[in-house]
Amino acid sequence: MALLDQYKAEDGKPLKPVQIRNNNNKAPKSIRYSHCDVLAEFLYYNDGKKRSQILCKVCGNTSSPGKRYTNKPKYLWPY
């Protein structure tokens, strides 16, 4: 929460949470962002329907919300 306190000190007002227009882009409540340790109210999905990238309003960094790739091998038939 240090970045939120720094923003409040510089601008004189607290940073407002993200206003979600589409509920599909809303981040789950259980997520805490690893870069700046903020709550889910400042996070949203940045790439729409894919839901593979989360953007933080506080620090501006992006990350993936979880494991995107599986460890299962794919066998392709060459003919």
PDB file of N, CA and C in Angstrom:
ATOM      1  N   MET A   1       0.806  -1.195   0.000  1.00  0.00           N
ATOM      2  CA  MET A   1       0.000   0.000   0.000  1.00  0.00           C
ATOM      3  C   MET A   1       0.854   1.265   0.000  1.00  0.00           C
ATOM      4  N   ALA A   2       2.132   1.113  -0.119  1.00  0.00           N
ATOM      5  CA  ALA A   2       3.018   2.270  -0.102  1.00  0.00           C
ATOM      6  C   ALA A   2       2.780   3.169  -1.313  1.00  0.00           C
ATOM      7  N   LEU A   3       2.494   2.588  -2.468  1.00  0.00           N
ATOM      8  CA  LEU A   3       2.242   3.399  -3.654  1.00  0.00           C
ATOM      9  C   LEU A   3       0.942   4.186  -3.523  1.00  0.00           C
ATOM     10  N   LEU A   4      -0.060   3.602  -2.882  1.00  0.00           N
ATOM     11  CA  LEU A   4      -1.314   4.334  -2.659  1.00  0.00           C
ATOM     12  C   LEU A   4      -1.100   5.508  -1.717  1.00  0.00           C
ATOM     13  N   ASP A   5      -0.300   5.310  -0.690  1.00  0.00           N
ATOM     14  CA  ASP A   5       0.017   6.406   0.231  1.00  0.00           C
ATOM     15  C   ASP A   5       0.835   7.493  -0.459  1.00  0.00           C
ATOM     16  N   GLN A   6       1.748   7.084  -1.329  1.00  0.00           N
ATOM     17  CA  GLN A   6       2.559   8.043  -2.071  1.00  0.00           C
ATOM     18  C   GLN A   6       1.687   8.860  -3.028  1.00  0.00           C
ATOM     19  N   TYR A   7       0.732   8.204  -3.685  1.00  0.00           N
ATOM     20  CA  TYR A   7      -0.184   8.916  -4.580  1.00  0.00           C
ATOM     21  C   TYR A   7      -1.019   9.934  -3.808  1.00  0.00           C
ATOM     22  N   LYS A   8      -1.496   9.530  -2.627  1.00  0.00           N
ATOM     23  CA  LYS A   8      -2.305  10.436  -1.812  1.00  0.00           C
ATOM     24  C   LYS A   8      -1.489  11.635  -1.345  1.00  0.00           C
ATOM     25  N   ALA A   9      -0.219  11.418  -1.010  1.00  0.00           N
ATOM     26  CA  ALA A   9       0.638  12.516  -0.560  1.00  0.00           C
ATOM     27  C   ALA A   9       0.930  13.494  -1.697  1.00  0.00           C
ATOM     28  N   GLU A  10       1.114  12.977  -2.918  1.00  0.00           N
ATOM     29  CA  GLU A  10       1.438  13.847  -4.050  1.00  0.00           C
ATOM     30  C   GLU A  10       0.223  14.617  -4.553  1.00  0.00           C
ATOM     31  N   ASP A  11      -0.923  13.958  -4.670  1.00  0.00           N
ATOM     32  CA  ASP A  11      -2.104  14.594  -5.250  1.00  0.00           C
ATOM     33  C   ASP A  11      -3.079  15.156  -4.228  1.00  0.00           C
ATOM     34  N   GLY A  12      -2.927  14.768  -2.968  1.00  0.00           N
ATOM     35  CA  GLY A  12      -3.813  15.277  -1.936  1.00  0.00           C
ATOM     36  C   GLY A  12      -5.152  14.577  -1.862  1.00  0.00           C
ATOM     37  N   LYS A  13      -5.350  13.541  -2.648  1.00  0.00           N
ATOM     38  CA  LYS A  13      -6.602  12.774  -2.608  1.00  0.00           C
ATOM     39  C   LYS A  13      -6.284  11.310  -2.886  1.00  0.00           C
ATOM     40  N   PRO A  14      -7.089  10.392  -2.377  1.00  0.00           N
ATOM     41  CA  PRO A  14      -6.814   8.973  -2.589  1.00  0.00           C
ATOM     42  C   PRO A  14      -7.131   8.547  -4.022  1.00  0.00           C
ATOM     43  N   LEU A  15      -6.451   7.516  -4.479  1.00  0.00           N
ATOM     44  CA  LEU A  15      -6.682   6.956  -5.809  1.00  0.00           C
ATOM     45  C   LEU A  15      -7.981   6.163  -5.794  1.00  0.00           C
ATOM     46  N   LYS A  16      -8.846   6.430  -6.756  1.00  0.00           N
ATOM     47  CA  LYS A  16     -10.132   5.740  -6.814  1.00  0.00           C
ATOM     48  C   LYS A  16      -9.957   4.355  -7.431  1.00  0.00           C
ATOM     49  N   PRO A  17     -10.778   3.399  -7.007  1.00  0.00           N
ATOM     50  CA  PRO A  17     -10.716   2.060  -7.613  1.00  0.00           C
ATOM     51  C   PRO A  17     -11.130   2.098  -9.082  1.00  0.00           C
ATOM     52  N   VAL A  18     -10.854   1.024  -9.785  1.00  0.00           N
ATOM     53  CA  VAL A  18     -11.184   0.912 -11.201  1.00  0.00           C
ATOM     54  C   VAL A  18     -12.693   0.859 -11.367  1.00  0.00           C
ATOM     55  N   GLN A  19     -13.221   1.613 -12.335  1.00  0.00           N
ATOM     56  CA  GLN A  19     -14.640   1.549 -12.657  1.00  0.00           C
ATOM     57  C   GLN A  19     -14.813   0.570 -13.815  1.00  0.00           C
ATOM     58  N   ILE A  20     -15.416  -0.558 -13.529  1.00  0.00           N
ATOM     59  CA  ILE A  20     -15.590  -1.611 -14.518  1.00  0.00           C
ATOM     60  C   ILE A  20     -16.915  -1.397 -15.249  1.00  0.00           C
ATOM     61  N   ARG A  21     -16.856  -1.282 -16.563  1.00  0.00           N
ATOM     62  CA  ARG A  21     -18.071  -1.140 -17.363  1.00  0.00           C
ATOM     63  C   ARG A  21     -18.605  -2.501 -17.794  1.00  0.00           C
ATOM     64  N   ASN A  22     -17.698  -3.444 -17.979  1.00  0.00           N
ATOM     65  CA  ASN A  22     -18.064  -4.788 -18.400  1.00  0.00           C
ATOM     66  C   ASN A  22     -17.628  -5.754 -17.306  1.00  0.00           C
ATOM     67  N   ASN A  23     -18.562  -6.490 -16.727  1.00  0.00           N
ATOM     68  CA  ASN A  23     -18.228  -7.381 -15.621  1.00  0.00           C
ATOM     69  C   ASN A  23     -17.284  -8.504 -16.019  1.00  0.00           C
ATOM     70  N   ASN A  24     -17.122  -8.767 -17.308  1.00  0.00           N
ATOM     71  CA  ASN A  24     -16.186  -9.795 -17.754  1.00  0.00           C
ATOM     72  C   ASN A  24     -14.738  -9.380 -17.507  1.00  0.00           C
ATOM     73  N   ASN A  25     -14.470  -8.092 -17.424  1.00  0.00           N
ATOM     74  CA  ASN A  25     -13.109  -7.601 -17.214  1.00  0.00           C
ATOM     75  C   ASN A  25     -12.766  -7.410 -15.746  1.00  0.00           C
ATOM     76  N   LYS A  26     -13.677  -7.722 -14.855  1.00  0.00           N
ATOM     77  CA  LYS A  26     -13.461  -7.536 -13.439  1.00  0.00           C
ATOM     78  C   LYS A  26     -12.574  -8.653 -12.889  1.00  0.00           C
ATOM     79  N   ALA A  27     -11.557  -8.285 -12.139  1.00  0.00           N
ATOM     80  CA  ALA A  27     -10.646  -9.266 -11.545  1.00  0.00           C
ATOM     81  C   ALA A  27     -11.318  -9.929 -10.345  1.00  0.00           C
ATOM     82  N   PRO A  28     -11.040 -11.208 -10.101  1.00  0.00           N
ATOM     83  CA  PRO A  28     -11.623 -11.890  -8.936  1.00  0.00           C
ATOM     84  C   PRO A  28     -11.172 -11.253  -7.625  1.00  0.00           C
ATOM     85  N   LYS A  29     -12.027 -11.313  -6.620  1.00  0.00           N
ATOM     86  CA  LYS A  29     -11.737 -10.697  -5.315  1.00  0.00           C
ATOM     87  C   LYS A  29     -10.557 -11.352  -4.607  1.00  0.00           C
ATOM     88  N   SER A  30     -10.249 -12.602  -4.948  1.00  0.00           N
ATOM     89  CA  SER A  30      -9.204 -13.330  -4.238  1.00  0.00           C
ATOM     90  C   SER A  30      -7.791 -12.970  -4.701  1.00  0.00           C
ATOM     91  N   ILE A  31      -7.653 -12.202  -5.776  1.00  0.00           N
ATOM     92  CA  ILE A  31      -6.336 -11.876  -6.328  1.00  0.00           C
ATOM     93  C   ILE A  31      -5.726 -10.690  -5.592  1.00  0.00           C
ATOM     94  N   ARG A  32      -4.448 -10.817  -5.233  1.00  0.00           N
ATOM     95  CA  ARG A  32      -3.641  -9.695  -4.757  1.00  0.00           C
ATOM     96  C   ARG A  32      -2.472  -9.560  -5.717  1.00  0.00           C
ATOM     97  N   TYR A  33      -2.185  -8.361  -6.144  1.00  0.00           N
ATOM     98  CA  TYR A  33      -1.163  -8.146  -7.155  1.00  0.00           C
ATOM     99  C   TYR A  33       0.222  -8.272  -6.537  1.00  0.00           C
ATOM    100  N   SER A  34       1.096  -9.022  -7.185  1.00  0.00           N
ATOM    101  CA  SER A  34       2.402  -9.331  -6.609  1.00  0.00           C
ATOM    102  C   SER A  34       3.397  -8.170  -6.690  1.00  0.00           C
ATOM    103  N   HIS A  35       3.268  -7.283  -7.662  1.00  0.00           N
ATOM    104  CA  HIS A  35       4.234  -6.186  -7.810  1.00  0.00           C
ATOM    105  C   HIS A  35       4.102  -5.134  -6.713  1.00  0.00           C
ATOM    106  N   CYS A  36       2.877  -4.692  -6.464  1.00  0.00           N
ATOM    107  CA  CYS A  36       2.706  -3.611  -5.482  1.00  0.00           C
ATOM    108  C   CYS A  36       1.762  -3.999  -4.348  1.00  0.00           C
ATOM    109  N   ASP A  37       1.273  -5.223  -4.311  1.00  0.00           N
ATOM    110  CA  ASP A  37       0.466  -5.774  -3.222  1.00  0.00           C
ATOM    111  C   ASP A  37      -0.798  -4.955  -2.970  1.00  0.00           C
ATOM    112  N   VAL A  38      -1.574  -4.692  -4.031  1.00  0.00           N
ATOM    113  CA  VAL A  38      -2.850  -3.998  -3.877  1.00  0.00           C
ATOM    114  C   VAL A  38      -4.001  -4.984  -3.984  1.00  0.00           C
ATOM    115  N   LEU A  39      -5.169  -4.537  -3.574  1.00  0.00           N
ATOM    116  CA  LEU A  39      -6.362  -5.370  -3.607  1.00  0.00           C
ATOM    117  C   LEU A  39      -6.928  -5.463  -5.020  1.00  0.00           C
ATOM    118  N   ALA A  40      -7.909  -6.340  -5.203  1.00  0.00           N
ATOM    119  CA  ALA A  40      -8.502  -6.590  -6.521  1.00  0.00           C
ATOM    120  C   ALA A  40      -9.299  -5.395  -7.042  1.00  0.00           C
ATOM    121  N   GLU A  41      -9.660  -4.463  -6.210  1.00  0.00           N
ATOM    122  CA  GLU A  41     -10.445  -3.315  -6.681  1.00  0.00           C
ATOM    123  C   GLU A  41      -9.622  -2.359  -7.565  1.00  0.00           C
ATOM    124  N   PHE A  42      -8.308  -2.510  -7.594  1.00  0.00           N
ATOM    125  CA  PHE A  42      -7.444  -1.695  -8.446  1.00  0.00           C
ATOM    126  C   PHE A  42      -6.911  -2.488  -9.644  1.00  0.00           C
ATOM    127  N   LEU A  43      -7.436  -3.698  -9.871  1.00  0.00           N
ATOM    128  CA  LEU A  43      -6.973  -4.573 -10.944  1.00  0.00           C
ATOM    129  C   LEU A  43      -8.102  -4.851 -11.926  1.00  0.00           C
ATOM    130  N   TYR A  44      -7.730  -5.061 -13.198  1.00  0.00           N
ATOM    131  CA  TYR A  44      -8.713  -5.486 -14.190  1.00  0.00           C
ATOM    132  C   TYR A  44      -8.016  -6.230 -15.311  1.00  0.00           C
ATOM    133  N   TYR A  45      -8.803  -7.049 -16.019  1.00  0.00           N
ATOM    134  CA  TYR A  45      -8.260  -7.784 -17.158  1.00  0.00           C
ATOM    135  C   TYR A  45      -8.040  -6.811 -18.302  1.00  0.00           C
ATOM    136  N   ASN A  46      -6.837  -6.830 -18.851  1.00  0.00           N
ATOM    137  CA  ASN A  46      -6.429  -5.858 -19.845  1.00  0.00           C
ATOM    138  C   ASN A  46      -6.714  -6.299 -21.275  1.00  0.00           C
ATOM    139  N   ASP A  47      -6.974  -7.579 -21.506  1.00  0.00           N
ATOM    140  CA  ASP A  47      -7.096  -8.055 -22.878  1.00  0.00           C
ATOM    141  C   ASP A  47      -8.460  -8.654 -23.200  1.00  0.00           C
ATOM    142  N   GLY A  48      -9.483  -8.217 -22.537  1.00  0.00           N
ATOM    143  CA  GLY A  48     -10.847  -8.585 -22.880  1.00  0.00           C
ATOM    144  C   GLY A  48     -11.187 -10.038 -22.652  1.00  0.00           C
ATOM    145  N   LYS A  49     -11.648 -10.711 -23.706  1.00  0.00           N
ATOM    146  CA  LYS A  49     -12.163 -12.067 -23.582  1.00  0.00           C
ATOM    147  C   LYS A  49     -11.104 -13.108 -23.275  1.00  0.00           C
ATOM    148  N   LYS A  50      -9.856 -12.851 -23.608  1.00  0.00           N
ATOM    149  CA  LYS A  50      -8.790 -13.822 -23.328  1.00  0.00           C
ATOM    150  C   LYS A  50      -8.594 -14.022 -21.831  1.00  0.00           C
ATOM    151  N   ARG A  51      -8.677 -12.938 -21.067  1.00  0.00           N
ATOM    152  CA  ARG A  51      -8.497 -12.955 -19.612  1.00  0.00           C
ATOM    153  C   ARG A  51      -7.162 -13.577 -19.214  1.00  0.00           C
ATOM    154  N   SER A  52      -6.106 -13.189 -19.927  1.00  0.00           N
ATOM    155  CA  SER A  52      -4.784 -13.747 -19.648  1.00  0.00           C
ATOM    156  C   SER A  52      -3.798 -12.693 -19.157  1.00  0.00           C
ATOM    157  N   GLN A  53      -4.234 -11.448 -19.003  1.00  0.00           N
ATOM    158  CA  GLN A  53      -3.331 -10.384 -18.579  1.00  0.00           C
ATOM    159  C   GLN A  53      -4.073  -9.442 -17.638  1.00  0.00           C
ATOM    160  N   ILE A  54      -3.500  -9.200 -16.477  1.00  0.00           N
ATOM    161  CA  ILE A  54      -4.102  -8.291 -15.494  1.00  0.00           C
ATOM    162  C   ILE A  54      -3.274  -7.014 -15.434  1.00  0.00           C
ATOM    163  N   LEU A  55      -3.956  -5.874 -15.458  1.00  0.00           N
ATOM    164  CA  LEU A  55      -3.299  -4.575 -15.383  1.00  0.00           C
ATOM    165  C   LEU A  55      -3.614  -3.942 -14.031  1.00  0.00           C
ATOM    166  N   CYS A  56      -2.604  -3.350 -13.423  1.00  0.00           N
ATOM    167  CA  CYS A  56      -2.739  -2.679 -12.130  1.00  0.00           C
ATOM    168  C   CYS A  56      -2.866  -1.175 -12.366  1.00  0.00           C
ATOM    169  N   LYS A  57      -3.870  -0.562 -11.772  1.00  0.00           N
ATOM    170  CA  LYS A  57      -4.067   0.878 -11.909  1.00  0.00           C
ATOM    171  C   LYS A  57      -3.051   1.664 -11.091  1.00  0.00           C
ATOM    172  N   VAL A  58      -2.542   1.075 -10.030  1.00  0.00           N
ATOM    173  CA  VAL A  58      -1.630   1.779  -9.126  1.00  0.00           C
ATOM    174  C   VAL A  58      -0.235   1.912  -9.726  1.00  0.00           C
ATOM    175  N   CYS A  59       0.364   0.788 -10.129  1.00  0.00           N
ATOM    176  CA  CYS A  59       1.744   0.832 -10.622  1.00  0.00           C
ATOM    177  C   CYS A  59       1.852   0.752 -12.141  1.00  0.00           C
ATOM    178  N   GLY A  60       0.785   0.326 -12.831  1.00  0.00           N
ATOM    179  CA  GLY A  60       0.789   0.270 -14.290  1.00  0.00           C
ATOM    180  C   GLY A  60       1.427  -0.979 -14.864  1.00  0.00           C
ATOM    181  N   ASN A  61       1.828  -1.930 -14.035  1.00  0.00           N
ATOM    182  CA  ASN A  61       2.432  -3.170 -14.520  1.00  0.00           C
ATOM    183  C   ASN A  61       1.365  -4.184 -14.891  1.00  0.00           C
ATOM    184  N   THR A  62       1.745  -5.114 -15.758  1.00  0.00           N
ATOM    185  CA  THR A  62       0.854  -6.202 -16.143  1.00  0.00           C
ATOM    186  C   THR A  62       1.468  -7.536 -15.746  1.00  0.00           C
ATOM    187  N   SER A  63       0.614  -8.519 -15.527  1.00  0.00           N
ATOM    188  CA  SER A  63       1.080  -9.868 -15.239  1.00  0.00           C
ATOM    189  C   SER A  63      -0.025 -10.852 -15.588  1.00  0.00           C
ATOM    190  N   SER A  64       0.324 -12.120 -15.638  1.00  0.00           N
ATOM    191  CA  SER A  64      -0.685 -13.134 -15.900  1.00  0.00           C
ATOM    192  C   SER A  64      -1.300 -13.556 -14.573  1.00  0.00           C
ATOM    193  N   PRO A  65      -2.611 -13.814 -14.550  1.00  0.00           N
ATOM    194  CA  PRO A  65      -3.278 -14.128 -13.286  1.00  0.00           C
ATOM    195  C   PRO A  65      -3.002 -15.514 -12.753  1.00  0.00           C
ATOM    196  N   GLY A  66      -2.477 -16.387 -13.560  1.00  0.00           N
ATOM    197  CA  GLY A  66      -2.219 -17.743 -13.103  1.00  0.00           C
ATOM    198  C   GLY A  66      -1.434 -18.507 -14.143  1.00  0.00           C
ATOM    199  N   LYS A  67      -1.459 -19.787 -14.008  1.00  0.00           N
ATOM    200  CA  LYS A  67      -0.709 -20.633 -14.930  1.00  0.00           C
ATOM    201  C   LYS A  67      -1.455 -20.716 -16.256  1.00  0.00           C
ATOM    202  N   ARG A  68      -0.837 -20.301 -17.323  1.00  0.00           N
ATOM    203  CA  ARG A  68      -1.496 -20.282 -18.622  1.00  0.00           C
ATOM    204  C   ARG A  68      -1.194 -21.513 -19.439  1.00  0.00           C
ATOM    205  N   TYR A  69      -0.084 -22.128 -19.214  1.00  0.00           N
ATOM    206  CA  TYR A  69       0.336 -23.244 -20.040  1.00  0.00           C
ATOM    207  C   TYR A  69       0.322 -24.527 -19.229  1.00  0.00           C
ATOM    208  N   THR A  70      -0.044 -25.605 -19.890  1.00  0.00           N
ATOM    209  CA  THR A  70      -0.049 -26.890 -19.202  1.00  0.00           C
ATOM    210  C   THR A  70       1.257 -27.610 -19.478  1.00  0.00           C
ATOM    211  N   ASN A  71       1.566 -28.565 -18.647  1.00  0.00           N
ATOM    212  CA  ASN A  71       2.783 -29.347 -18.817  1.00  0.00           C
ATOM    213  C   ASN A  71       2.542 -30.612 -19.639  1.00  0.00           C
ATOM    214  N   LYS A  72       1.347 -30.804 -20.129  1.00  0.00           N
ATOM    215  CA  LYS A  72       1.036 -31.985 -20.910  1.00  0.00           C
ATOM    216  C   LYS A  72       1.644 -31.859 -22.306  1.00  0.00           C
ATOM    217  N   PRO A  73       2.322 -32.900 -22.770  1.00  0.00           N
ATOM    218  CA  PRO A  73       2.885 -32.842 -24.126  1.00  0.00           C
ATOM    219  C   PRO A  73       1.798 -32.979 -25.176  1.00  0.00           C
ATOM    220  N   LYS A  74       2.023 -32.348 -26.312  1.00  0.00           N
ATOM    221  CA  LYS A  74       1.107 -32.475 -27.439  1.00  0.00           C
ATOM    222  C   LYS A  74       1.779 -33.313 -28.512  1.00  0.00           C
ATOM    223  N   TYR A  75       1.105 -34.339 -28.906  1.00  0.00           N
ATOM    224  CA  TYR A  75       1.643 -35.213 -29.943  1.00  0.00           C
ATOM    225  C   TYR A  75       0.937 -34.892 -31.255  1.00  0.00           C
ATOM    226  N   LEU A  76       1.705 -34.545 -32.249  1.00  0.00           N
ATOM    227  CA  LEU A  76       1.163 -34.210 -33.556  1.00  0.00           C
ATOM    228  C   LEU A  76       1.535 -35.266 -34.560  1.00  0.00           C
ATOM    229  N   TRP A  77       0.589 -35.661 -35.370  1.00  0.00           N
ATOM    230  CA  TRP A  77       0.839 -36.633 -36.434  1.00  0.00           C
ATOM    231  C   TRP A  77       1.356 -35.873 -37.646  1.00  0.00           C
ATOM    232  N   PRO A  78       2.543 -36.220 -38.157  1.00  0.00           N
ATOM    233  CA  PRO A  78       3.150 -35.430 -39.221  1.00  0.00           C
ATOM    234  C   PRO A  78       2.507 -35.604 -40.589  1.00  0.00           C
ATOM    235  N   TYR A  79       1.619 -36.584 -40.789  1.00  0.00           N
ATOM    236  CA  TYR A  79       1.025 -36.817 -42.123  1.00  0.00           C
ATOM    237  C   TYR A  79      -0.440 -36.530 -42.123  1.00  0.00           C
TER     238      TYR A  79
END
